[in-house]
PDB file of N, CA and C in Angstrom:
ATOM      1  N   UNK A   1     -75.570-162.935   2.022  1.00  0.00           N
ATOM      2  CA  UNK A   1     -75.779-163.765   3.201  1.00  0.00           C
ATOM      3  C   UNK A   1     -74.427-164.138   3.774  1.00  0.00           C
ATOM      4  N   UNK A   2     -74.419-164.352   5.060  1.00  0.00           N
ATOM      5  CA  UNK A   2     -73.157-164.707   5.697  1.00  0.00           C
ATOM      6  C   UNK A   2     -73.188-166.098   6.309  1.00  0.00           C
ATOM      7  N   UNK A   3     -74.282-166.780   6.169  1.00  0.00           N
ATOM      8  CA  UNK A   3     -74.351-168.122   6.718  1.00  0.00           C
ATOM      9  C   UNK A   3     -75.602-168.809   6.224  1.00  0.00           C
ATOM     10  N   UNK A   4     -75.756-170.062   6.582  1.00  0.00           N
ATOM     11  CA  UNK A   4     -76.927-170.801   6.117  1.00  0.00           C
ATOM     12  C   UNK A   4     -78.194-170.405   6.888  1.00  0.00           C
ATOM     13  N   UNK A   5     -79.318-170.639   6.267  1.00  0.00           N
ATOM     14  CA  UNK A   5     -80.614-170.483   6.930  1.00  0.00           C
ATOM     15  C   UNK A   5     -80.721-171.592   7.972  1.00  0.00           C
ATOM     16  N   UNK A   6     -81.154-171.233   9.181  1.00  0.00           N
ATOM     17  CA  UNK A   6     -81.285-172.210  10.264  1.00  0.00           C
ATOM     18  C   UNK A   6     -82.657-172.077  10.916  1.00  0.00           C
ATOM     19  N   UNK A   7     -82.989-173.058  11.771  1.00  0.00           N
ATOM     20  CA  UNK A   7     -84.222-172.971  12.548  1.00  0.00           C
ATOM     21  C   UNK A   7     -84.128-171.828  13.536  1.00  0.00           C
ATOM     22  N   UNK A   8     -85.219-171.111  13.699  1.00  0.00           N
ATOM     23  CA  UNK A   8     -85.304-170.047  14.689  1.00  0.00           C
ATOM     24  C   UNK A   8     -86.399-170.395  15.687  1.00  0.00           C
ATOM     25  N   UNK A   9     -86.618-169.544  16.668  1.00  0.00           N
ATOM     26  CA  UNK A   9     -87.660-169.810  17.661  1.00  0.00           C
ATOM     27  C   UNK A   9     -89.056-169.600  17.079  1.00  0.00           C
ATOM     28  N   UNK A  10     -90.027-170.182  17.705  1.00  0.00           N
ATOM     29  CA  UNK A  10     -91.441-169.945  17.402  1.00  0.00           C
ATOM     30  C   UNK A  10     -91.794-170.137  15.932  1.00  0.00           C
ATOM     31  N   UNK A  11     -91.375-171.260  15.356  1.00  0.00           N
ATOM     32  CA  UNK A  11     -91.731-171.623  13.989  1.00  0.00           C
ATOM     33  C   UNK A  11     -91.208-170.617  12.955  1.00  0.00           C
ATOM     34  N   UNK A  12     -89.965-170.170  13.152  1.00  0.00           N
ATOM     35  CA  UNK A  12     -89.341-169.237  12.214  1.00  0.00           C
ATOM     36  C   UNK A  12     -88.089-169.855  11.620  1.00  0.00           C
ATOM     37  N   UNK A  13     -87.585-169.192  10.591  1.00  0.00           N
ATOM     38  CA  UNK A  13     -86.268-169.487  10.036  1.00  0.00           C
ATOM     39  C   UNK A  13     -85.397-168.252  10.273  1.00  0.00           C
ATOM     40  N   UNK A  14     -84.145-168.498  10.663  1.00  0.00           N
ATOM     41  CA  UNK A  14     -83.188-167.419  10.905  1.00  0.00           C
ATOM     42  C   UNK A  14     -82.344-167.250   9.648  1.00  0.00           C
ATOM     43  N   UNK A  15     -82.342-166.035   9.093  1.00  0.00           N
ATOM     44  CA  UNK A  15     -81.612-165.724   7.867  1.00  0.00           C
ATOM     45  C   UNK A  15     -80.539-164.684   8.212  1.00  0.00           C
ATOM     46  N   UNK A  16     -79.258-165.099   8.297  1.00  0.00           N
ATOM     47  CA  UNK A  16     -78.201-164.149   8.648  1.00  0.00           C
ATOM     48  C   UNK A  16     -77.733-163.350   7.429  1.00  0.00           C
ATOM     49  N   UNK A  17     -77.645-162.036   7.605  1.00  0.00           N
ATOM     50  CA  UNK A  17     -77.226-161.137   6.523  1.00  0.00           C
ATOM     51  C   UNK A  17     -76.145-160.196   7.029  1.00  0.00           C
ATOM     52  N   UNK A  18     -75.334-159.700   6.123  1.00  0.00           N
ATOM     53  CA  UNK A  18     -74.353-158.667   6.443  1.00  0.00           C
ATOM     54  C   UNK A  18     -74.683-157.458   5.567  1.00  0.00           C
ATOM     55  N   UNK A  19     -74.874-156.325   6.216  1.00  0.00           N
ATOM     56  CA  UNK A  19     -75.181-155.072   5.532  1.00  0.00           C
ATOM     57  C   UNK A  19     -73.930-154.219   5.559  1.00  0.00           C
ATOM     58  N   UNK A  20     -73.591-153.634   4.402  1.00  0.00           N
ATOM     59  CA  UNK A  20     -72.423-152.754   4.317  1.00  0.00           C
ATOM     60  C   UNK A  20     -72.850-151.459   3.653  1.00  0.00           C
ATOM     61  N   UNK A  21     -72.420-150.354   4.229  1.00  0.00           N
ATOM     62  CA  UNK A  21     -72.735-149.039   3.686  1.00  0.00           C
ATOM     63  C   UNK A  21     -71.456-148.436   3.111  1.00  0.00           C
ATOM     64  N   UNK A  22     -71.474-148.169   1.820  1.00  0.00           N
ATOM     65  CA  UNK A  22     -70.290-147.643   1.140  1.00  0.00           C
ATOM     66  C   UNK A  22     -70.182-146.128   1.239  1.00  0.00           C
ATOM     67  N   UNK A  23     -71.228-145.470   1.748  1.00  0.00           N
ATOM     68  CA  UNK A  23     -71.187-144.020   1.855  1.00  0.00           C
ATOM     69  C   UNK A  23     -71.536-143.321   0.562  1.00  0.00           C
ATOM     70  N   UNK A  24     -72.151-144.048  -0.375  1.00  0.00           N
ATOM     71  CA  UNK A  24     -72.423-143.472  -1.694  1.00  0.00           C
ATOM     72  C   UNK A  24     -73.854-142.960  -1.848  1.00  0.00           C
ATOM     73  N   UNK A  25     -74.619-142.889  -0.747  1.00  0.00           N
ATOM     74  CA  UNK A  25     -75.976-142.361  -0.795  1.00  0.00           C
ATOM     75  C   UNK A  25     -76.296-141.716   0.546  1.00  0.00           C
ATOM     76  N   UNK A  26     -77.021-140.589   0.493  1.00  0.00           N
ATOM     77  CA  UNK A  26     -77.446-139.957   1.742  1.00  0.00           C
ATOM     78  C   UNK A  26     -78.330-140.941   2.494  1.00  0.00           C
ATOM     79  N   UNK A  27     -78.276-140.907   3.815  1.00  0.00           N
ATOM     80  CA  UNK A  27     -79.096-141.854   4.571  1.00  0.00           C
ATOM     81  C   UNK A  27     -79.537-141.278   5.904  1.00  0.00           C
ATOM     82  N   UNK A  28     -80.738-141.662   6.289  1.00  0.00           N
ATOM     83  CA  UNK A  28     -81.238-141.471   7.643  1.00  0.00           C
ATOM     84  C   UNK A  28     -81.736-142.807   8.189  1.00  0.00           C
ATOM     85  N   UNK A  29     -81.707-143.805   7.345  1.00  0.00           N
ATOM     86  CA  UNK A  29     -82.107-145.149   7.737  1.00  0.00           C
ATOM     87  C   UNK A  29     -81.907-146.103   6.583  1.00  0.00           C
ATOM     88  N   UNK A  30     -81.848-147.398   6.905  1.00  0.00           N
ATOM     89  CA  UNK A  30     -81.688-148.445   5.897  1.00  0.00           C
ATOM     90  C   UNK A  30     -82.684-149.546   6.210  1.00  0.00           C
ATOM     91  N   UNK A  31     -83.281-150.103   5.166  1.00  0.00           N
ATOM     92  CA  UNK A  31     -84.257-151.163   5.381  1.00  0.00           C
ATOM     93  C   UNK A  31     -83.954-152.364   4.500  1.00  0.00           C
ATOM     94  N   UNK A  32     -84.469-153.504   4.924  1.00  0.00           N
ATOM     95  CA  UNK A  32     -84.388-154.752   4.181  1.00  0.00           C
ATOM     96  C   UNK A  32     -85.818-155.162   3.844  1.00  0.00           C
ATOM     97  N   UNK A  33     -86.088-155.370   2.545  1.00  0.00           N
ATOM     98  CA  UNK A  33     -87.433-155.733   2.110  1.00  0.00           C
ATOM     99  C   UNK A  33     -87.390-157.062   1.376  1.00  0.00           C
ATOM    100  N   UNK A  34     -88.231-157.987   1.818  1.00  0.00           N
ATOM    101  CA  UNK A  34     -88.317-159.317   1.205  1.00  0.00           C
ATOM    102  C   UNK A  34     -89.447-159.345   0.185  1.00  0.00           C
ATOM    103  N   UNK A  35     -89.153-159.906  -0.985  1.00  0.00           N
ATOM    104  CA  UNK A  35     -90.182-160.080  -2.011  1.00  0.00           C
ATOM    105  C   UNK A  35     -90.295-161.554  -2.353  1.00  0.00           C
ATOM    106  N   UNK A  36     -91.397-161.919  -2.927  1.00  0.00           N
ATOM    107  CA  UNK A  36     -91.740-163.303  -3.265  1.00  0.00           C
ATOM    108  C   UNK A  36     -91.848-164.180  -2.018  1.00  0.00           C
ATOM    109  N   UNK A  37     -92.279-163.596  -0.888  1.00  0.00           N
ATOM    110  CA  UNK A  37     -92.460-164.417   0.311  1.00  0.00           C
ATOM    111  C   UNK A  37     -93.602-165.401   0.080  1.00  0.00           C
ATOM    112  N   UNK A  38     -93.406-166.677   0.466  1.00  0.00           N
ATOM    113  CA  UNK A  38     -94.493-167.641   0.315  1.00  0.00           C
ATOM    114  C   UNK A  38     -95.644-167.321   1.269  1.00  0.00           C
ATOM    115  N   UNK A  39     -96.811-167.858   0.970  1.00  0.00           N
ATOM    116  CA  UNK A  39     -97.994-167.630   1.801  1.00  0.00           C
ATOM    117  C   UNK A  39     -97.708-167.998   3.260  1.00  0.00           C
ATOM    118  N   UNK A  40     -98.088-167.111   4.152  1.00  0.00           N
ATOM    119  CA  UNK A  40     -97.898-167.346   5.579  1.00  0.00           C
ATOM    120  C   UNK A  40     -96.568-166.853   6.110  1.00  0.00           C
ATOM    121  N   UNK A  41     -95.672-166.401   5.249  1.00  0.00           N
ATOM    122  CA  UNK A  41     -94.354-165.952   5.690  1.00  0.00           C
ATOM    123  C   UNK A  41     -94.285-164.430   5.741  1.00  0.00           C
ATOM    124  N   UNK A  42     -93.605-163.928   6.760  1.00  0.00           N
ATOM    125  CA  UNK A  42     -93.297-162.510   6.875  1.00  0.00           C
ATOM    126  C   UNK A  42     -92.145-162.348   7.854  1.00  0.00           C
ATOM    127  N   UNK A  43     -91.476-161.217   7.789  1.00  0.00           N
ATOM    128  CA  UNK A  43     -90.412-160.941   8.739  1.00  0.00           C
ATOM    129  C   UNK A  43     -91.083-160.608  10.070  1.00  0.00           C
ATOM    130  N   UNK A  44     -90.741-161.353  11.116  1.00  0.00           N
ATOM    131  CA  UNK A  44     -91.350-161.128  12.423  1.00  0.00           C
ATOM    132  C   UNK A  44     -90.502-160.234  13.314  1.00  0.00           C
ATOM    133  N   UNK A  45     -89.167-160.437  13.288  1.00  0.00           N
ATOM    134  CA  UNK A  45     -88.270-159.622  14.092  1.00  0.00           C
ATOM    135  C   UNK A  45     -86.850-159.797  13.598  1.00  0.00           C
ATOM    136  N   UNK A  46     -85.945-159.001  14.141  1.00  0.00           N
ATOM    137  CA  UNK A  46     -84.539-159.050  13.761  1.00  0.00           C
ATOM    138  C   UNK A  46     -83.684-159.349  14.988  1.00  0.00           C
ATOM    139  N   UNK A  47     -82.460-159.729  14.750  1.00  0.00           N
ATOM    140  CA  UNK A  47     -81.462-159.876  15.807  1.00  0.00           C
ATOM    141  C   UNK A  47     -80.214-159.156  15.317  1.00  0.00           C
ATOM    142  N   UNK A  48     -79.775-158.084  15.965  1.00  0.00           N
ATOM    143  CA  UNK A  48     -80.306-157.575  17.214  1.00  0.00           C
ATOM    144  C   UNK A  48     -81.728-157.051  17.020  1.00  0.00           C
ATOM    145  N   UNK A  49     -82.471-157.111  18.125  1.00  0.00           N
ATOM    146  CA  UNK A  49     -83.880-156.724  18.118  1.00  0.00           C
ATOM    147  C   UNK A  49     -83.973-155.218  18.337  1.00  0.00           C
ATOM    148  N   UNK A  50     -84.154-154.485  17.229  1.00  0.00           N
ATOM    149  CA  UNK A  50     -84.174-153.033  17.310  1.00  0.00           C
ATOM    150  C   UNK A  50     -84.842-152.494  16.060  1.00  0.00           C
ATOM    151  N   UNK A  51     -85.719-151.568  16.221  1.00  0.00           N
ATOM    152  CA  UNK A  51     -86.339-150.934  15.064  1.00  0.00           C
ATOM    153  C   UNK A  51     -87.593-151.635  14.612  1.00  0.00           C
ATOM    154  N   UNK A  52     -88.378-150.934  13.810  1.00  0.00           N
ATOM    155  CA  UNK A  52     -89.667-151.470  13.382  1.00  0.00           C
ATOM    156  C   UNK A  52     -89.545-152.555  12.315  1.00  0.00           C
ATOM    157  N   UNK A  53     -90.532-153.440  12.322  1.00  0.00           N
ATOM    158  CA  UNK A  53     -90.680-154.490  11.306  1.00  0.00           C
ATOM    159  C   UNK A  53     -92.102-154.386  10.777  1.00  0.00           C
ATOM    160  N   UNK A  54     -92.245-154.380   9.452  1.00  0.00           N
ATOM    161  CA  UNK A  54     -93.555-154.231   8.822  1.00  0.00           C
ATOM    162  C   UNK A  54     -93.811-155.360   7.835  1.00  0.00           C
ATOM    163  N   UNK A  55     -94.025-156.579   8.298  1.00  0.00           N
ATOM    164  CA  UNK A  55     -94.330-157.706   7.409  1.00  0.00           C
ATOM    165  C   UNK A  55     -93.171-158.083   6.524  1.00  0.00           C
ATOM    166  N   UNK A  56     -93.111-157.537   5.285  1.00  0.00           N
ATOM    167  CA  UNK A  56     -91.992-157.893   4.408  1.00  0.00           C
ATOM    168  C   UNK A  56     -90.783-156.972   4.573  1.00  0.00           C
ATOM    169  N   UNK A  57     -90.861-155.968   5.473  1.00  0.00           N
ATOM    170  CA  UNK A  57     -89.778-154.990   5.597  1.00  0.00           C
ATOM    171  C   UNK A  57     -89.344-154.831   7.049  1.00  0.00           C
ATOM    172  N   UNK A  58     -88.020-154.724   7.234  1.00  0.00           N
ATOM    173  CA  UNK A  58     -87.451-154.464   8.560  1.00  0.00           C
ATOM    174  C   UNK A  58     -86.354-153.426   8.409  1.00  0.00           C
ATOM    175  N   UNK A  59     -86.283-152.522   9.362  1.00  0.00           N
ATOM    176  CA  UNK A  59     -85.198-151.545   9.327  1.00  0.00           C
ATOM    177  C   UNK A  59     -83.946-152.164   9.924  1.00  0.00           C
ATOM    178  N   UNK A  60     -82.797-151.801   9.383  1.00  0.00           N
ATOM    179  CA  UNK A  60     -81.521-152.332   9.849  1.00  0.00           C
ATOM    180  C   UNK A  60     -81.289-151.811  11.262  1.00  0.00           C
ATOM    181  N   UNK A  61     -81.081-152.712  12.219  1.00  0.00           N
ATOM    182  CA  UNK A  61     -80.884-152.300  13.610  1.00  0.00           C
ATOM    183  C   UNK A  61     -79.615-151.469  13.796  1.00  0.00           C
ATOM    184  N   UNK A  62     -79.654-150.584  14.792  1.00  0.00           N
ATOM    185  CA  UNK A  62     -78.458-149.849  15.172  1.00  0.00           C
ATOM    186  C   UNK A  62     -78.351-148.449  14.617  1.00  0.00           C
ATOM    187  N   UNK A  63     -79.338-148.003  13.863  1.00  0.00           N
ATOM    188  CA  UNK A  63     -79.299-146.633  13.362  1.00  0.00           C
ATOM    189  C   UNK A  63     -78.397-146.460  12.158  1.00  0.00           C
ATOM    190  N   UNK A  64     -77.911-145.235  11.988  1.00  0.00           N
ATOM    191  CA  UNK A  64     -77.103-144.898  10.814  1.00  0.00           C
ATOM    192  C   UNK A  64     -75.816-145.701  10.758  1.00  0.00           C
ATOM    193  N   UNK A  65     -75.386-145.981   9.548  1.00  0.00           N
ATOM    194  CA  UNK A  65     -74.109-146.655   9.332  1.00  0.00           C
ATOM    195  C   UNK A  65     -73.084-145.629   8.856  1.00  0.00           C
ATOM    196  N   UNK A  66     -71.864-145.782   9.281  1.00  0.00           N
ATOM    197  CA  UNK A  66     -70.772-144.927   8.822  1.00  0.00           C
ATOM    198  C   UNK A  66     -70.252-145.476   7.487  1.00  0.00           C
ATOM    199  N   UNK A  67     -69.674-144.636   6.629  1.00  0.00           N
ATOM    200  CA  UNK A  67     -69.118-145.141   5.371  1.00  0.00           C
ATOM    201  C   UNK A  67     -68.114-146.267   5.637  1.00  0.00           C
ATOM    202  N   UNK A  68     -68.301-147.374   4.947  1.00  0.00           N
ATOM    203  CA  UNK A  68     -67.432-148.535   5.100  1.00  0.00           C
ATOM    204  C   UNK A  68     -67.848-149.477   6.218  1.00  0.00           C
ATOM    205  N   UNK A  69     -68.834-149.095   7.025  1.00  0.00           N
ATOM    206  CA  UNK A  69     -69.260-149.939   8.147  1.00  0.00           C
ATOM    207  C   UNK A  69     -70.046-151.151   7.657  1.00  0.00           C
ATOM    208  N   UNK A  70     -69.804-152.281   8.308  1.00  0.00           N
ATOM    209  CA  UNK A  70     -70.563-153.507   8.065  1.00  0.00           C
ATOM    210  C   UNK A  70     -71.299-153.865   9.342  1.00  0.00           C
ATOM    211  N   UNK A  71     -72.504-154.381   9.185  1.00  0.00           N
ATOM    212  CA  UNK A  71     -73.301-154.770  10.340  1.00  0.00           C
ATOM    213  C   UNK A  71     -73.980-156.098  10.044  1.00  0.00           C
ATOM    214  N   UNK A  72     -73.875-157.037  10.979  1.00  0.00           N
ATOM    215  CA  UNK A  72     -74.546-158.327  10.842  1.00  0.00           C
ATOM    216  C   UNK A  72     -75.927-158.236  11.469  1.00  0.00           C
ATOM    217  N   UNK A  73     -76.901-158.752  10.758  1.00  0.00           N
ATOM    218  CA  UNK A  73     -78.280-158.765  11.237  1.00  0.00           C
ATOM    219  C   UNK A  73     -78.908-160.080  10.796  1.00  0.00           C
ATOM    220  N   UNK A  74     -79.768-160.618  11.619  1.00  0.00           N
ATOM    221  CA  UNK A  74     -80.503-161.819  11.245  1.00  0.00           C
ATOM    222  C   UNK A  74     -81.974-161.466  11.144  1.00  0.00           C
ATOM    223  N   UNK A  75     -82.605-161.899  10.057  1.00  0.00           N
ATOM    224  CA  UNK A  75     -84.051-161.768   9.905  1.00  0.00           C
ATOM    225  C   UNK A  75     -84.686-163.065  10.368  1.00  0.00           C
ATOM    226  N   UNK A  76     -85.743-162.964  11.138  1.00  0.00           N
ATOM    227  CA  UNK A  76     -86.501-164.140  11.543  1.00  0.00           C
ATOM    228  C   UNK A  76     -87.813-164.098  10.769  1.00  0.00           C
ATOM    229  N   UNK A  77     -87.939-165.045   9.833  1.00  0.00           N
ATOM    230  CA  UNK A  77     -89.075-165.095   8.917  1.00  0.00           C
ATOM    231  C   UNK A  77     -89.937-166.290   9.281  1.00  0.00           C
ATOM    232  N   UNK A  78     -91.251-166.051   9.414  1.00  0.00           N
ATOM    233  CA  UNK A  78     -92.162-167.145   9.744  1.00  0.00           C
ATOM    234  C   UNK A  78     -92.174-168.165   8.609  1.00  0.00           C
ATOM    235  N   UNK A  79     -92.289-169.426   9.001  1.00  0.00           N
ATOM    236  CA  UNK A  79     -92.312-170.503   8.004  1.00  0.00           C
ATOM    237  C   UNK A  79     -93.594-170.441   7.194  1.00  0.00           C
ATOM    238  N   UNK A  80     -93.551-170.860   5.932  1.00  0.00           N
ATOM    239  CA  UNK A  80     -94.745-170.811   5.090  1.00  0.00           C
ATOM    240  C   UNK A  80     -95.854-171.730   5.598  1.00  0.00           C
ATOM    241  N   UNK A  81     -97.060-171.401   5.191  1.00  0.00           N
ATOM    242  CA  UNK A  81     -98.221-172.216   5.536  1.00  0.00           C
ATOM    243  C   UNK A  81     -98.063-173.629   4.987  1.00  0.00           C
ATOM    244  N   UNK A  82     -97.600-173.748   3.753  1.00  0.00           N
ATOM    245  CA  UNK A  82     -97.362-175.043   3.112  1.00  0.00           C
ATOM    246  C   UNK A  82     -95.859-175.347   3.173  1.00  0.00           C
ATOM    247  N   UNK A  83     -95.447-176.409   3.879  1.00  0.00           N
ATOM    248  CA  UNK A  83     -94.016-176.727   3.982  1.00  0.00           C
ATOM    249  C   UNK A  83     -93.314-176.871   2.629  1.00  0.00           C
ATOM    250  N   UNK A  84     -94.043-177.249   1.585  1.00  0.00           N
ATOM    251  CA  UNK A  84     -93.429-177.376   0.257  1.00  0.00           C
ATOM    252  C   UNK A  84     -92.945-176.025  -0.261  1.00  0.00           C
ATOM    253  N   UNK A  85     -93.505-174.927   0.257  1.00  0.00           N
ATOM    254  CA  UNK A  85     -93.120-173.593  -0.202  1.00  0.00           C
ATOM    255  C   UNK A  85     -91.804-173.111   0.402  1.00  0.00           C
ATOM    256  N   UNK A  86     -91.192-173.901   1.287  1.00  0.00           N
ATOM    257  CA  UNK A  86     -89.916-173.485   1.867  1.00  0.00           C
ATOM    258  C   UNK A  86     -88.812-173.386   0.817  1.00  0.00           C
ATOM    259  N   UNK A  87     -88.989-174.036  -0.324  1.00  0.00           N
ATOM    260  CA  UNK A  87     -87.969-173.954  -1.373  1.00  0.00           C
ATOM    261  C   UNK A  87     -88.219-172.791  -2.340  1.00  0.00           C
ATOM    262  N   UNK A  88     -89.275-171.989  -2.109  1.00  0.00           N
ATOM    263  CA  UNK A  88     -89.543-170.801  -2.921  1.00  0.00           C
ATOM    264  C   UNK A  88     -88.397-169.809  -2.761  1.00  0.00           C
ATOM    265  N   UNK A  89     -87.917-169.271  -3.871  1.00  0.00           N
ATOM    266  CA  UNK A  89     -86.836-168.289  -3.831  1.00  0.00           C
ATOM    267  C   UNK A  89     -87.366-166.934  -3.352  1.00  0.00           C
ATOM    268  N   UNK A  90     -86.701-166.377  -2.346  1.00  0.00           N
ATOM    269  CA  UNK A  90     -87.038-165.084  -1.767  1.00  0.00           C
ATOM    270  C   UNK A  90     -85.882-164.136  -2.070  1.00  0.00           C
ATOM    271  N   UNK A  91     -86.198-162.901  -2.394  1.00  0.00           N
ATOM    272  CA  UNK A  91     -85.176-161.888  -2.598  1.00  0.00           C
ATOM    273  C   UNK A  91     -85.312-160.848  -1.499  1.00  0.00           C
ATOM    274  N   UNK A  92     -84.187-160.499  -0.871  1.00  0.00           N
ATOM    275  CA  UNK A  92     -84.162-159.408   0.105  1.00  0.00           C
ATOM    276  C   UNK A  92     -83.299-158.305  -0.481  1.00  0.00           C
ATOM    277  N   UNK A  93     -83.870-157.094  -0.503  1.00  0.00           N
ATOM    278  CA  UNK A  93     -83.162-155.938  -1.052  1.00  0.00           C
ATOM    279  C   UNK A  93     -82.932-154.899   0.038  1.00  0.00           C
ATOM    280  N   UNK A  94     -81.744-154.327   0.030  1.00  0.00           N
ATOM    281  CA  UNK A  94     -81.391-153.243   0.940  1.00  0.00           C
ATOM    282  C   UNK A  94     -81.753-151.924   0.273  1.00  0.00           C
ATOM    283  N   UNK A  95     -82.401-151.042   1.027  1.00  0.00           N
ATOM    284  CA  UNK A  95     -82.718-149.705   0.532  1.00  0.00           C
ATOM    285  C   UNK A  95     -82.218-148.676   1.533  1.00  0.00           C
ATOM    286  N   UNK A  96     -81.787-147.542   1.023  1.00  0.00           N
ATOM    287  CA  UNK A  96     -81.333-146.428   1.839  1.00  0.00           C
ATOM    288  C   UNK A  96     -82.408-145.345   1.808  1.00  0.00           C
ATOM    289  N   UNK A  97     -82.742-144.821   2.979  1.00  0.00           N
ATOM    290  CA  UNK A  97     -83.810-143.825   3.093  1.00  0.00           C
ATOM    291  C   UNK A  97     -83.262-142.506   3.616  1.00  0.00           C
ATOM    292  N   UNK A  98     -83.769-141.426   3.034  1.00  0.00           N
ATOM    293  CA  UNK A  98     -83.450-140.084   3.503  1.00  0.00           C
ATOM    294  C   UNK A  98     -84.778-139.349   3.609  1.00  0.00           C
ATOM    295  N   UNK A  99     -85.208-139.077   4.813  1.00  0.00           N
ATOM    296  CA  UNK A  99     -86.545-138.568   5.124  1.00  0.00           C
ATOM    297  C   UNK A  99     -87.579-139.496   4.506  1.00  0.00           C
ATOM    298  N   UNK A 100     -88.426-139.009   3.638  1.00  0.00           N
ATOM    299  CA  UNK A 100     -89.494-139.844   3.081  1.00  0.00           C
ATOM    300  C   UNK A 100     -89.165-140.432   1.719  1.00  0.00           C
ATOM    301  N   UNK A 101     -87.945-140.290   1.270  1.00  0.00           N
ATOM    302  CA  UNK A 101     -87.606-140.815  -0.043  1.00  0.00           C
ATOM    303  C   UNK A 101     -86.605-141.967   0.061  1.00  0.00           C
ATOM    304  N   UNK A 102     -86.707-142.872  -0.895  1.00  0.00           N
ATOM    305  CA  UNK A 102     -85.711-143.921  -1.038  1.00  0.00           C
ATOM    306  C   UNK A 102     -84.642-143.380  -1.975  1.00  0.00           C
ATOM    307  N   UNK A 103     -83.407-143.406  -1.513  1.00  0.00           N
ATOM    308  CA  UNK A 103     -82.304-142.809  -2.266  1.00  0.00           C
ATOM    309  C   UNK A 103     -81.744-143.838  -3.240  1.00  0.00           C
ATOM    310  N   UNK A 104     -81.642-143.488  -4.537  1.00  0.00           N
ATOM    311  CA  UNK A 104     -81.066-144.430  -5.489  1.00  0.00           C
ATOM    312  C   UNK A 104     -79.586-144.681  -5.181  1.00  0.00           C
ATOM    313  N   UNK A 105     -79.178-145.918  -5.305  1.00  0.00           N
ATOM    314  CA  UNK A 105     -77.797-146.311  -5.055  1.00  0.00           C
ATOM    315  C   UNK A 105     -77.003-146.198  -6.350  1.00  0.00           C
ATOM    316  N   UNK A 106     -75.716-145.864  -6.234  1.00  0.00           N
ATOM    317  CA  UNK A 106     -74.835-145.785  -7.392  1.00  0.00           C
ATOM    318  C   UNK A 106     -74.755-147.142  -8.084  1.00  0.00           C
ATOM    319  N   UNK A 107     -74.665-148.225  -7.309  1.00  0.00           N
ATOM    320  CA  UNK A 107     -74.581-149.584  -7.850  1.00  0.00           C
ATOM    321  C   UNK A 107     -75.574-150.483  -7.113  1.00  0.00           C
ATOM    322  N   UNK A 108     -76.844-150.511  -7.536  1.00  0.00           N
ATOM    323  CA  UNK A 108     -77.847-151.301  -6.827  1.00  0.00           C
ATOM    324  C   UNK A 108     -77.678-152.816  -6.998  1.00  0.00           C
ATOM    325  N   UNK A 109     -76.791-153.252  -7.870  1.00  0.00           N
ATOM    326  CA  UNK A 109     -76.641-154.692  -8.116  1.00  0.00           C
ATOM    327  C   UNK A 109     -76.146-155.457  -6.894  1.00  0.00           C
ATOM    328  N   UNK A 110     -75.471-154.777  -5.978  1.00  0.00           N
ATOM    329  CA  UNK A 110     -74.973-155.483  -4.792  1.00  0.00           C
ATOM    330  C   UNK A 110     -75.888-155.305  -3.579  1.00  0.00           C
ATOM    331  N   UNK A 111     -77.134-154.879  -3.817  1.00  0.00           N
ATOM    332  CA  UNK A 111     -78.062-154.639  -2.722  1.00  0.00           C
ATOM    333  C   UNK A 111     -79.087-155.748  -2.534  1.00  0.00           C
ATOM    334  N   UNK A 112     -78.933-156.862  -3.240  1.00  0.00           N
ATOM    335  CA  UNK A 112     -79.917-157.937  -3.121  1.00  0.00           C
ATOM    336  C   UNK A 112     -79.251-159.273  -2.863  1.00  0.00           C
ATOM    337  N   UNK A 113     -80.000-160.147  -2.219  1.00  0.00           N
ATOM    338  CA  UNK A 113     -79.584-161.521  -2.001  1.00  0.00           C
ATOM    339  C   UNK A 113     -80.816-162.404  -2.183  1.00  0.00           C
ATOM    340  N   UNK A 114     -80.618-163.581  -2.762  1.00  0.00           N
ATOM    341  CA  UNK A 114     -81.713-164.516  -2.999  1.00  0.00           C
ATOM    342  C   UNK A 114     -81.423-165.813  -2.266  1.00  0.00           C
ATOM    343  N   UNK A 115     -82.457-166.389  -1.648  1.00  0.00           N
ATOM    344  CA  UNK A 115     -82.315-167.603  -0.848  1.00  0.00           C
ATOM    345  C   UNK A 115     -83.680-168.257  -0.708  1.00  0.00           C
ATOM    346  N   UNK A 116     -83.725-169.414  -0.097  1.00  0.00           N
ATOM    347  CA  UNK A 116     -84.998-170.046   0.252  1.00  0.00           C
ATOM    348  C   UNK A 116     -84.987-170.343   1.745  1.00  0.00           C
ATOM    349  N   UNK A 117     -86.143-170.641   2.299  1.00  0.00           N
ATOM    350  CA  UNK A 117     -86.251-170.945   3.726  1.00  0.00           C
ATOM    351  C   UNK A 117     -85.982-172.410   4.022  1.00  0.00           C
ATOM    352  N   UNK A 118     -85.683-173.196   2.998  1.00  0.00           N
ATOM    353  CA  UNK A 118     -85.365-174.614   3.191  1.00  0.00           C
ATOM    354  C   UNK A 118     -84.039-174.734   3.931  1.00  0.00           C
ATOM    355  N   UNK A 119     -83.987-175.657   4.876  1.00  0.00           N
ATOM    356  CA  UNK A 119     -82.744-175.886   5.594  1.00  0.00           C
ATOM    357  C   UNK A 119     -81.764-176.643   4.713  1.00  0.00           C
ATOM    358  N   UNK A 120     -80.474-176.360   4.838  1.00  0.00           N
ATOM    359  CA  UNK A 120     -79.472-177.088   4.053  1.00  0.00           C
ATOM    360  C   UNK A 120     -79.516-178.587   4.384  1.00  0.00           C
ATOM    361  N   UNK A 121     -79.288-179.386   3.388  1.00  0.00           N
ATOM    362  CA  UNK A 121     -79.244-180.832   3.607  1.00  0.00           C
ATOM    363  C   UNK A 121     -77.793-181.283   3.639  1.00  0.00           C
ATOM    364  N   UNK A 122     -77.368-181.726   4.784  1.00  0.00           N
ATOM    365  CA  UNK A 122     -75.999-182.256   4.887  1.00  0.00           C
ATOM    366  C   UNK A 122     -75.837-183.043   6.163  1.00  0.00           C
TER     367      UNK A 122
END
């Protein structure tokens, strides 16, 4: 993550992420998939707004990444049905796709980030 979770439009939370491609896997696309989403939450859209979004999964906007390229993207996730669930830990994982297969990464440990939809208290 590159910043705190903030309020987004239309009852969403904005989750800013930075995606970096090391060039260590063949790619035709990259996606971000959220797991452990609380009830009522799903990825609605991205900023920049580009590419398909499928509930818990969104493709990284802007197409292919060059080796060493970093791209900032924000996920807009709908708030949970129960406000108490905003503190549920969510994991977002980056996956690299080549045609219909997900390509294994040399070091998958740096492909995930964990956060909650709760706003920072300060």
